[in-house]
Every structure is written in C-alpha cells, then in structure tokens.
Amino acid sequence: MITVTKLIEIIDVMAAHSGLSPHSVGRYAGGSGDFYGRLRAGHDITTRRAARVAQWLSDHWPADLEWPSDIPRPEPNPDREKAA
C-alpha cells in the first residue's frame, strides 16, 4: 500500500519532470481539481483511491524518468492506451 506522503512525493517528482504543476498532475491522477491540495492539507484517502492513483501514476510515468526507489511501483498496465 502506498501512503499519502509517498503519493505527494511521487506527484511532486512527476510534476517537476513534466513541467506541470503538482495540482495538475494530482487532478489527472486523482480525478479531482482539489486532490493534491487536500493531500497537502493532511486529508486522508481510502486505500482503494490510493491504489487507483498510484496505478494511474505508474501507467503514465515518463519513460525517461526513474521511479523513486523507495516507493513500490504498481506494474504498469500495458493496455492503458486502449482504455483511454
């Protein structure tokens, strides 16, 4: 299971690499405009939502960016283009 702290960390890494704001990455990954802000404010999320967000991040992770070694990465979904 991925923690809220680790989700924030990985959103920040992806945002810095992509040039998007962490709020934008959080919106795409979490499905809500205030997702990242709520995480930063200390709000909690369900285990299911954390897993779904981690999966989205894994599926959309840039090929030229190494996933942080201290965060377990869900196996990327090879069919994500078909689902989009």
PDB file of N, CA and C in Angstrom:
ATOM      1  N   MET A   1       0.845  -1.187   0.000  1.00  0.00           N
ATOM      2  CA  MET A   1       0.000   0.000   0.000  1.00  0.00           C
ATOM      3  C   MET A   1       0.887   1.246   0.000  1.00  0.00           C
ATOM      4  N   ILE A   2       0.483   2.232  -0.741  1.00  0.00           N
ATOM      5  CA  ILE A   2       1.225   3.488  -0.825  1.00  0.00           C
ATOM      6  C   ILE A   2       0.598   4.500   0.143  1.00  0.00           C
ATOM      7  N   THR A   3       1.429   5.232   0.830  1.00  0.00           N
ATOM      8  CA  THR A   3       0.946   6.209   1.807  1.00  0.00           C
ATOM      9  C   THR A   3       0.666   7.551   1.138  1.00  0.00           C
ATOM     10  N   VAL A   4      -0.068   8.401   1.838  1.00  0.00           N
ATOM     11  CA  VAL A   4      -0.349   9.746   1.343  1.00  0.00           C
ATOM     12  C   VAL A   4       0.956  10.511   1.142  1.00  0.00           C
ATOM     13  N   THR A   5       1.871  10.370   2.077  1.00  0.00           N
ATOM     14  CA  THR A   5       3.167  11.052   1.961  1.00  0.00           C
ATOM     15  C   THR A   5       3.899  10.628   0.699  1.00  0.00           C
ATOM     16  N   LYS A   6       3.873   9.344   0.382  1.00  0.00           N
ATOM     17  CA  LYS A   6       4.539   8.843  -0.818  1.00  0.00           C
ATOM     18  C   LYS A   6       3.809   9.292  -2.085  1.00  0.00           C
ATOM     19  N   LEU A   7       2.473   9.374  -2.036  1.00  0.00           N
ATOM     20  CA  LEU A   7       1.730   9.892  -3.188  1.00  0.00           C
ATOM     21  C   LEU A   7       2.117  11.335  -3.468  1.00  0.00           C
ATOM     22  N   ILE A   8       2.202  12.136  -2.430  1.00  0.00           N
ATOM     23  CA  ILE A   8       2.614  13.537  -2.598  1.00  0.00           C
ATOM     24  C   ILE A   8       4.007  13.587  -3.222  1.00  0.00           C
ATOM     25  N   GLU A   9       4.908  12.773  -2.699  1.00  0.00           N
ATOM     26  CA  GLU A   9       6.280  12.744  -3.198  1.00  0.00           C
ATOM     27  C   GLU A   9       6.327  12.387  -4.680  1.00  0.00           C
ATOM     28  N   ILE A  10       5.602  11.369  -5.054  1.00  0.00           N
ATOM     29  CA  ILE A  10       5.664  10.913  -6.440  1.00  0.00           C
ATOM     30  C   ILE A  10       4.952  11.888  -7.385  1.00  0.00           C
ATOM     31  N   ILE A  11       3.892  12.519  -6.925  1.00  0.00           N
ATOM     32  CA  ILE A  11       3.241  13.564  -7.730  1.00  0.00           C
ATOM     33  C   ILE A  11       4.211  14.720  -7.941  1.00  0.00           C
ATOM     34  N   ASP A  12       4.927  15.113  -6.881  1.00  0.00           N
ATOM     35  CA  ASP A  12       5.905  16.200  -6.999  1.00  0.00           C
ATOM     36  C   ASP A  12       7.019  15.860  -7.992  1.00  0.00           C
ATOM     37  N   VAL A  13       7.503  14.617  -7.958  1.00  0.00           N
ATOM     38  CA  VAL A  13       8.567  14.193  -8.884  1.00  0.00           C
ATOM     39  C   VAL A  13       8.062  14.248 -10.323  1.00  0.00           C
ATOM     40  N   MET A  14       6.873  13.703 -10.546  1.00  0.00           N
ATOM     41  CA  MET A  14       6.319  13.694 -11.903  1.00  0.00           C
ATOM     42  C   MET A  14       6.064  15.118 -12.394  1.00  0.00           C
ATOM     43  N   ALA A  15       5.559  15.962 -11.518  1.00  0.00           N
ATOM     44  CA  ALA A  15       5.270  17.346 -11.896  1.00  0.00           C
ATOM     45  C   ALA A  15       6.555  18.091 -12.266  1.00  0.00           C
ATOM     46  N   ALA A  16       7.581  17.945 -11.452  1.00  0.00           N
ATOM     47  CA  ALA A  16       8.845  18.631 -11.723  1.00  0.00           C
ATOM     48  C   ALA A  16       9.427  18.197 -13.060  1.00  0.00           C
ATOM     49  N   HIS A  17       9.307  16.926 -13.365  1.00  0.00           N
ATOM     50  CA  HIS A  17       9.848  16.407 -14.624  1.00  0.00           C
ATOM     51  C   HIS A  17       9.019  16.850 -15.835  1.00  0.00           C
ATOM     52  N   SER A  18       7.717  16.882 -15.674  1.00  0.00           N
ATOM     53  CA  SER A  18       6.831  17.155 -16.811  1.00  0.00           C
ATOM     54  C   SER A  18       6.617  18.638 -17.084  1.00  0.00           C
ATOM     55  N   GLY A  19       6.928  19.469 -16.097  1.00  0.00           N
ATOM     56  CA  GLY A  19       6.663  20.896 -16.257  1.00  0.00           C
ATOM     57  C   GLY A  19       5.252  21.287 -15.872  1.00  0.00           C
ATOM     58  N   LEU A  20       4.449  20.321 -15.466  1.00  0.00           N
ATOM     59  CA  LEU A  20       3.102  20.607 -14.978  1.00  0.00           C
ATOM     60  C   LEU A  20       3.174  20.957 -13.496  1.00  0.00           C
ATOM     61  N   SER A  21       2.152  21.607 -13.007  1.00  0.00           N
ATOM     62  CA  SER A  21       2.100  21.866 -11.574  1.00  0.00           C
ATOM     63  C   SER A  21       1.697  20.586 -10.850  1.00  0.00           C
ATOM     64  N   PRO A  22       2.079  20.441  -9.593  1.00  0.00           N
ATOM     65  CA  PRO A  22       1.621  19.284  -8.831  1.00  0.00           C
ATOM     66  C   PRO A  22       0.088  19.208  -8.765  1.00  0.00           C
ATOM     67  N   HIS A  23      -0.565  20.348  -8.755  1.00  0.00           N
ATOM     68  CA  HIS A  23      -2.031  20.354  -8.740  1.00  0.00           C
ATOM     69  C   HIS A  23      -2.600  19.752 -10.025  1.00  0.00           C
ATOM     70  N   SER A  24      -1.948  20.024 -11.165  1.00  0.00           N
ATOM     71  CA  SER A  24      -2.414  19.442 -12.433  1.00  0.00           C
ATOM     72  C   SER A  24      -2.204  17.935 -12.453  1.00  0.00           C
ATOM     73  N   VAL A  25      -1.020  17.486 -12.046  1.00  0.00           N
ATOM     74  CA  VAL A  25      -0.764  16.043 -12.004  1.00  0.00           C
ATOM     75  C   VAL A  25      -1.750  15.386 -11.045  1.00  0.00           C
ATOM     76  N   GLY A  26      -1.965  15.996  -9.889  1.00  0.00           N
ATOM     77  CA  GLY A  26      -2.925  15.471  -8.928  1.00  0.00           C
ATOM     78  C   GLY A  26      -4.337  15.413  -9.484  1.00  0.00           C
ATOM     79  N   ARG A  27      -4.701  16.405 -10.265  1.00  0.00           N
ATOM     80  CA  ARG A  27      -6.034  16.417 -10.882  1.00  0.00           C
ATOM     81  C   ARG A  27      -6.183  15.258 -11.857  1.00  0.00           C
ATOM     82  N   TYR A  28      -5.179  15.046 -12.687  1.00  0.00           N
ATOM     83  CA  TYR A  28      -5.245  13.935 -13.634  1.00  0.00           C
ATOM     84  C   TYR A  28      -5.253  12.587 -12.909  1.00  0.00           C
ATOM     85  N   ALA A  29      -4.359  12.437 -11.936  1.00  0.00           N
ATOM     86  CA  ALA A  29      -4.224  11.160 -11.234  1.00  0.00           C
ATOM     87  C   ALA A  29      -5.380  10.892 -10.284  1.00  0.00           C
ATOM     88  N   GLY A  30      -5.830  11.932  -9.602  1.00  0.00           N
ATOM     89  CA  GLY A  30      -6.856  11.755  -8.572  1.00  0.00           C
ATOM     90  C   GLY A  30      -8.265  12.023  -9.033  1.00  0.00           C
ATOM     91  N   GLY A  31      -8.408  12.577 -10.233  1.00  0.00           N
ATOM     92  CA  GLY A  31      -9.742  12.799 -10.775  1.00  0.00           C
ATOM     93  C   GLY A  31     -10.493  13.959 -10.158  1.00  0.00           C
ATOM     94  N   SER A  32      -9.765  14.843  -9.476  1.00  0.00           N
ATOM     95  CA  SER A  32     -10.420  15.963  -8.803  1.00  0.00           C
ATOM     96  C   SER A  32      -9.460  17.146  -8.773  1.00  0.00           C
ATOM     97  N   GLY A  33      -9.978  18.327  -9.017  1.00  0.00           N
ATOM     98  CA  GLY A  33      -9.152  19.530  -9.035  1.00  0.00           C
ATOM     99  C   GLY A  33      -8.481  19.843  -7.717  1.00  0.00           C
ATOM    100  N   ASP A  34      -9.084  19.436  -6.625  1.00  0.00           N
ATOM    101  CA  ASP A  34      -8.509  19.749  -5.318  1.00  0.00           C
ATOM    102  C   ASP A  34      -7.793  18.559  -4.678  1.00  0.00           C
ATOM    103  N   PHE A  35      -7.572  17.486  -5.429  1.00  0.00           N
ATOM    104  CA  PHE A  35      -6.981  16.274  -4.883  1.00  0.00           C
ATOM    105  C   PHE A  35      -5.626  16.538  -4.223  1.00  0.00           C
ATOM    106  N   TYR A  36      -4.705  17.139  -4.954  1.00  0.00           N
ATOM    107  CA  TYR A  36      -3.362  17.381  -4.430  1.00  0.00           C
ATOM    108  C   TYR A  36      -3.408  18.330  -3.236  1.00  0.00           C
ATOM    109  N   GLY A  37      -4.173  19.386  -3.340  1.00  0.00           N
ATOM    110  CA  GLY A  37      -4.283  20.342  -2.231  1.00  0.00           C
ATOM    111  C   GLY A  37      -4.813  19.701  -0.966  1.00  0.00           C
ATOM    112  N   ARG A  38      -5.781  18.814  -1.137  1.00  0.00           N
ATOM    113  CA  ARG A  38      -6.339  18.117   0.033  1.00  0.00           C
ATOM    114  C   ARG A  38      -5.302  17.179   0.649  1.00  0.00           C
ATOM    115  N   LEU A  39      -4.515  16.504  -0.183  1.00  0.00           N
ATOM    116  CA  LEU A  39      -3.446  15.662   0.354  1.00  0.00           C
ATOM    117  C   LEU A  39      -2.449  16.505   1.139  1.00  0.00           C
ATOM    118  N   ARG A  40      -2.034  17.622   0.558  1.00  0.00           N
ATOM    119  CA  ARG A  40      -1.063  18.504   1.214  1.00  0.00           C
ATOM    120  C   ARG A  40      -1.621  19.079   2.512  1.00  0.00           C
ATOM    121  N   ALA A  41      -2.935  19.248   2.575  1.00  0.00           N
ATOM    122  CA  ALA A  41      -3.573  19.806   3.778  1.00  0.00           C
ATOM    123  C   ALA A  41      -3.767  18.751   4.865  1.00  0.00           C
ATOM    124  N   GLY A  42      -3.376  17.503   4.573  1.00  0.00           N
ATOM    125  CA  GLY A  42      -3.461  16.461   5.581  1.00  0.00           C
ATOM    126  C   GLY A  42      -4.699  15.596   5.526  1.00  0.00           C
ATOM    127  N   HIS A  43      -5.514  15.765   4.498  1.00  0.00           N
ATOM    128  CA  HIS A  43      -6.698  14.922   4.358  1.00  0.00           C
ATOM    129  C   HIS A  43      -6.285  13.506   3.999  1.00  0.00           C
ATOM    130  N   ASP A  44      -7.071  12.568   4.402  1.00  0.00           N
ATOM    131  CA  ASP A  44      -6.797  11.166   4.133  1.00  0.00           C
ATOM    132  C   ASP A  44      -7.601  10.705   2.923  1.00  0.00           C
ATOM    133  N   ILE A  45      -7.207   9.566   2.354  1.00  0.00           N
ATOM    134  CA  ILE A  45      -7.955   8.967   1.258  1.00  0.00           C
ATOM    135  C   ILE A  45      -8.092   7.474   1.544  1.00  0.00           C
ATOM    136  N   THR A  46      -9.004   6.855   0.842  1.00  0.00           N
ATOM    137  CA  THR A  46      -9.202   5.420   1.040  1.00  0.00           C
ATOM    138  C   THR A  46      -8.048   4.646   0.408  1.00  0.00           C
ATOM    139  N   THR A  47      -7.878   3.439   0.867  1.00  0.00           N
ATOM    140  CA  THR A  47      -6.860   2.555   0.309  1.00  0.00           C
ATOM    141  C   THR A  47      -7.120   2.318  -1.167  1.00  0.00           C
ATOM    142  N   ARG A  48      -8.376   2.159  -1.521  1.00  0.00           N
ATOM    143  CA  ARG A  48      -8.740   1.925  -2.926  1.00  0.00           C
ATOM    144  C   ARG A  48      -8.349   3.111  -3.797  1.00  0.00           C
ATOM    145  N   ARG A  49      -8.625   4.326  -3.324  1.00  0.00           N
ATOM    146  CA  ARG A  49      -8.280   5.501  -4.117  1.00  0.00           C
ATOM    147  C   ARG A  49      -6.763   5.660  -4.208  1.00  0.00           C
ATOM    148  N   ALA A  50      -6.055   5.409  -3.130  1.00  0.00           N
ATOM    149  CA  ALA A  50      -4.591   5.496  -3.160  1.00  0.00           C
ATOM    150  C   ALA A  50      -4.027   4.523  -4.190  1.00  0.00           C
ATOM    151  N   ALA A  51      -4.564   3.317  -4.221  1.00  0.00           N
ATOM    152  CA  ALA A  51      -4.107   2.318  -5.193  1.00  0.00           C
ATOM    153  C   ALA A  51      -4.428   2.754  -6.617  1.00  0.00           C
ATOM    154  N   ARG A  52      -5.601   3.331  -6.821  1.00  0.00           N
ATOM    155  CA  ARG A  52      -6.004   3.788  -8.151  1.00  0.00           C
ATOM    156  C   ARG A  52      -5.100   4.930  -8.626  1.00  0.00           C
ATOM    157  N   VAL A  53      -4.778   5.860  -7.726  1.00  0.00           N
ATOM    158  CA  VAL A  53      -3.905   6.984  -8.076  1.00  0.00           C
ATOM    159  C   VAL A  53      -2.493   6.475  -8.373  1.00  0.00           C
ATOM    160  N   ALA A  54      -1.993   5.583  -7.542  1.00  0.00           N
ATOM    161  CA  ALA A  54      -0.660   5.010  -7.782  1.00  0.00           C
ATOM    162  C   ALA A  54      -0.622   4.290  -9.126  1.00  0.00           C
ATOM    163  N   GLN A  55      -1.699   3.584  -9.463  1.00  0.00           N
ATOM    164  CA  GLN A  55      -1.749   2.890 -10.755  1.00  0.00           C
ATOM    165  C   GLN A  55      -1.740   3.880 -11.906  1.00  0.00           C
ATOM    166  N   TRP A  56      -2.501   4.961 -11.783  1.00  0.00           N
ATOM    167  CA  TRP A  56      -2.520   5.987 -12.830  1.00  0.00           C
ATOM    168  C   TRP A  56      -1.113   6.558 -13.024  1.00  0.00           C
ATOM    169  N   LEU A  57      -0.466   6.874 -11.909  1.00  0.00           N
ATOM    170  CA  LEU A  57       0.884   7.432 -11.996  1.00  0.00           C
ATOM    171  C   LEU A  57       1.839   6.438 -12.658  1.00  0.00           C
ATOM    172  N   SER A  58       1.756   5.174 -12.293  1.00  0.00           N
ATOM    173  CA  SER A  58       2.602   4.158 -12.903  1.00  0.00           C
ATOM    174  C   SER A  58       2.326   4.024 -14.397  1.00  0.00           C
ATOM    175  N   ASP A  59       1.054   4.030 -14.757  1.00  0.00           N
ATOM    176  CA  ASP A  59       0.675   3.884 -16.168  1.00  0.00           C
ATOM    177  C   ASP A  59       1.124   5.064 -17.025  1.00  0.00           C
ATOM    178  N   HIS A  60       1.238   6.235 -16.430  1.00  0.00           N
ATOM    179  CA  HIS A  60       1.573   7.453 -17.170  1.00  0.00           C
ATOM    180  C   HIS A  60       2.980   7.967 -16.863  1.00  0.00           C
ATOM    181  N   TRP A  61       3.758   7.162 -16.179  1.00  0.00           N
ATOM    182  CA  TRP A  61       5.095   7.588 -15.784  1.00  0.00           C
ATOM    183  C   TRP A  61       5.983   7.767 -17.010  1.00  0.00           C
ATOM    184  N   PRO A  62       6.710   8.899 -17.099  1.00  0.00           N
ATOM    185  CA  PRO A  62       7.590   9.135 -18.252  1.00  0.00           C
ATOM    186  C   PRO A  62       8.683   8.068 -18.352  1.00  0.00           C
ATOM    187  N   ALA A  63       8.929   7.600 -19.561  1.00  0.00           N
ATOM    188  CA  ALA A  63       9.920   6.550 -19.796  1.00  0.00           C
ATOM    189  C   ALA A  63      11.328   7.005 -19.435  1.00  0.00           C
ATOM    190  N   ASP A  64      11.578   8.315 -19.523  1.00  0.00           N
ATOM    191  CA  ASP A  64      12.917   8.828 -19.254  1.00  0.00           C
ATOM    192  C   ASP A  64      13.118   9.285 -17.811  1.00  0.00           C
ATOM    193  N   LEU A  65      12.210   8.895 -16.930  1.00  0.00           N
ATOM    194  CA  LEU A  65      12.297   9.264 -15.520  1.00  0.00           C
ATOM    195  C   LEU A  65      12.268   8.008 -14.666  1.00  0.00           C
ATOM    196  N   GLU A  66      13.252   7.878 -13.777  1.00  0.00           N
ATOM    197  CA  GLU A  66      13.298   6.716 -12.904  1.00  0.00           C
ATOM    198  C   GLU A  66      12.267   6.865 -11.786  1.00  0.00           C
ATOM    199  N   TRP A  67      11.494   5.806 -11.570  1.00  0.00           N
ATOM    200  CA  TRP A  67      10.521   5.767 -10.472  1.00  0.00           C
ATOM    201  C   TRP A  67      11.322   5.796  -9.163  1.00  0.00           C
ATOM    202  N   PRO A  68      10.915   6.584  -8.170  1.00  0.00           N
ATOM    203  CA  PRO A  68      11.645   6.633  -6.901  1.00  0.00           C
ATOM    204  C   PRO A  68      11.793   5.236  -6.277  1.00  0.00           C
ATOM    205  N   SER A  69      13.016   4.892  -5.924  1.00  0.00           N
ATOM    206  CA  SER A  69      13.311   3.533  -5.465  1.00  0.00           C
ATOM    207  C   SER A  69      12.671   3.187  -4.124  1.00  0.00           C
ATOM    208  N   ASP A  70      12.320   4.186  -3.330  1.00  0.00           N
ATOM    209  CA  ASP A  70      11.737   3.909  -2.015  1.00  0.00           C
ATOM    210  C   ASP A  70      10.212   3.801  -2.044  1.00  0.00           C
ATOM    211  N   ILE A  71       9.642   3.836  -3.229  1.00  0.00           N
ATOM    212  CA  ILE A  71       8.182   3.756  -3.379  1.00  0.00           C
ATOM    213  C   ILE A  71       7.855   2.544  -4.249  1.00  0.00           C
ATOM    214  N   PRO A  72       7.049   1.616  -3.720  1.00  0.00           N
ATOM    215  CA  PRO A  72       6.681   0.451  -4.543  1.00  0.00           C
ATOM    216  C   PRO A  72       5.855   0.896  -5.755  1.00  0.00           C
ATOM    217  N   ARG A  73       6.253   0.421  -6.926  1.00  0.00           N
ATOM    218  CA  ARG A  73       5.555   0.804  -8.159  1.00  0.00           C
ATOM    219  C   ARG A  73       4.608  -0.299  -8.601  1.00  0.00           C
ATOM    220  N   PRO A  74       3.345   0.058  -8.814  1.00  0.00           N
ATOM    221  CA  PRO A  74       2.430  -0.929  -9.404  1.00  0.00           C
ATOM    222  C   PRO A  74       2.888  -1.261 -10.822  1.00  0.00           C
ATOM    223  N   GLU A  75       2.675  -2.479 -11.231  1.00  0.00           N
ATOM    224  CA  GLU A  75       3.012  -2.886 -12.585  1.00  0.00           C
ATOM    225  C   GLU A  75       2.203  -2.053 -13.585  1.00  0.00           C
ATOM    226  N   PRO A  76       2.887  -1.339 -14.519  1.00  0.00           N
ATOM    227  CA  PRO A  76       2.130  -0.547 -15.490  1.00  0.00           C
ATOM    228  C   PRO A  76       1.172  -1.410 -16.309  1.00  0.00           C
ATOM    229  N   ASN A  77       0.022  -0.881 -16.591  1.00  0.00           N
ATOM    230  CA  ASN A  77      -0.997  -1.581 -17.378  1.00  0.00           C
ATOM    231  C   ASN A  77      -0.623  -1.448 -18.852  1.00  0.00           C
ATOM    232  N   PRO A  78      -0.311  -2.543 -19.527  1.00  0.00           N
ATOM    233  CA  PRO A  78       0.093  -2.460 -20.936  1.00  0.00           C
ATOM    234  C   PRO A  78      -1.038  -2.021 -21.861  1.00  0.00           C
ATOM    235  N   ASP A  79      -2.273  -2.086 -21.409  1.00  0.00           N
ATOM    236  CA  ASP A  79      -3.418  -1.716 -22.234  1.00  0.00           C
ATOM    237  C   ASP A  79      -3.947  -0.316 -21.943  1.00  0.00           C
ATOM    238  N   ARG A  80      -3.171   0.523 -21.263  1.00  0.00           N
ATOM    239  CA  ARG A  80      -3.710   1.817 -20.849  1.00  0.00           C
ATOM    240  C   ARG A  80      -4.119   2.694 -22.034  1.00  0.00           C
ATOM    241  N   GLU A  81      -3.421   2.584 -23.183  1.00  0.00           N
ATOM    242  CA  GLU A  81      -3.823   3.379 -24.351  1.00  0.00           C
ATOM    243  C   GLU A  81      -5.202   2.950 -24.853  1.00  0.00           C
ATOM    244  N   LYS A  82      -5.476   1.656 -24.760  1.00  0.00           N
ATOM    245  CA  LYS A  82      -6.772   1.163 -25.216  1.00  0.00           C
ATOM    246  C   LYS A  82      -7.910   1.625 -24.308  1.00  0.00           C
ATOM    247  N   ALA A  83      -7.589   1.800 -23.009  1.00  0.00           N
ATOM    248  CA  ALA A  83      -8.613   2.215 -22.045  1.00  0.00           C
ATOM    249  C   ALA A  83      -8.873   3.705 -22.107  1.00  0.00           C
ATOM    250  N   ALA A  84      -7.936   4.468 -22.630  1.00  0.00           N
ATOM    251  CA  ALA A  84      -8.074   5.929 -22.638  1.00  0.00           C
ATOM    252  C   ALA A  84      -9.035   6.406 -23.685  1.00  0.00           C
TER     253      ALA A  84
END
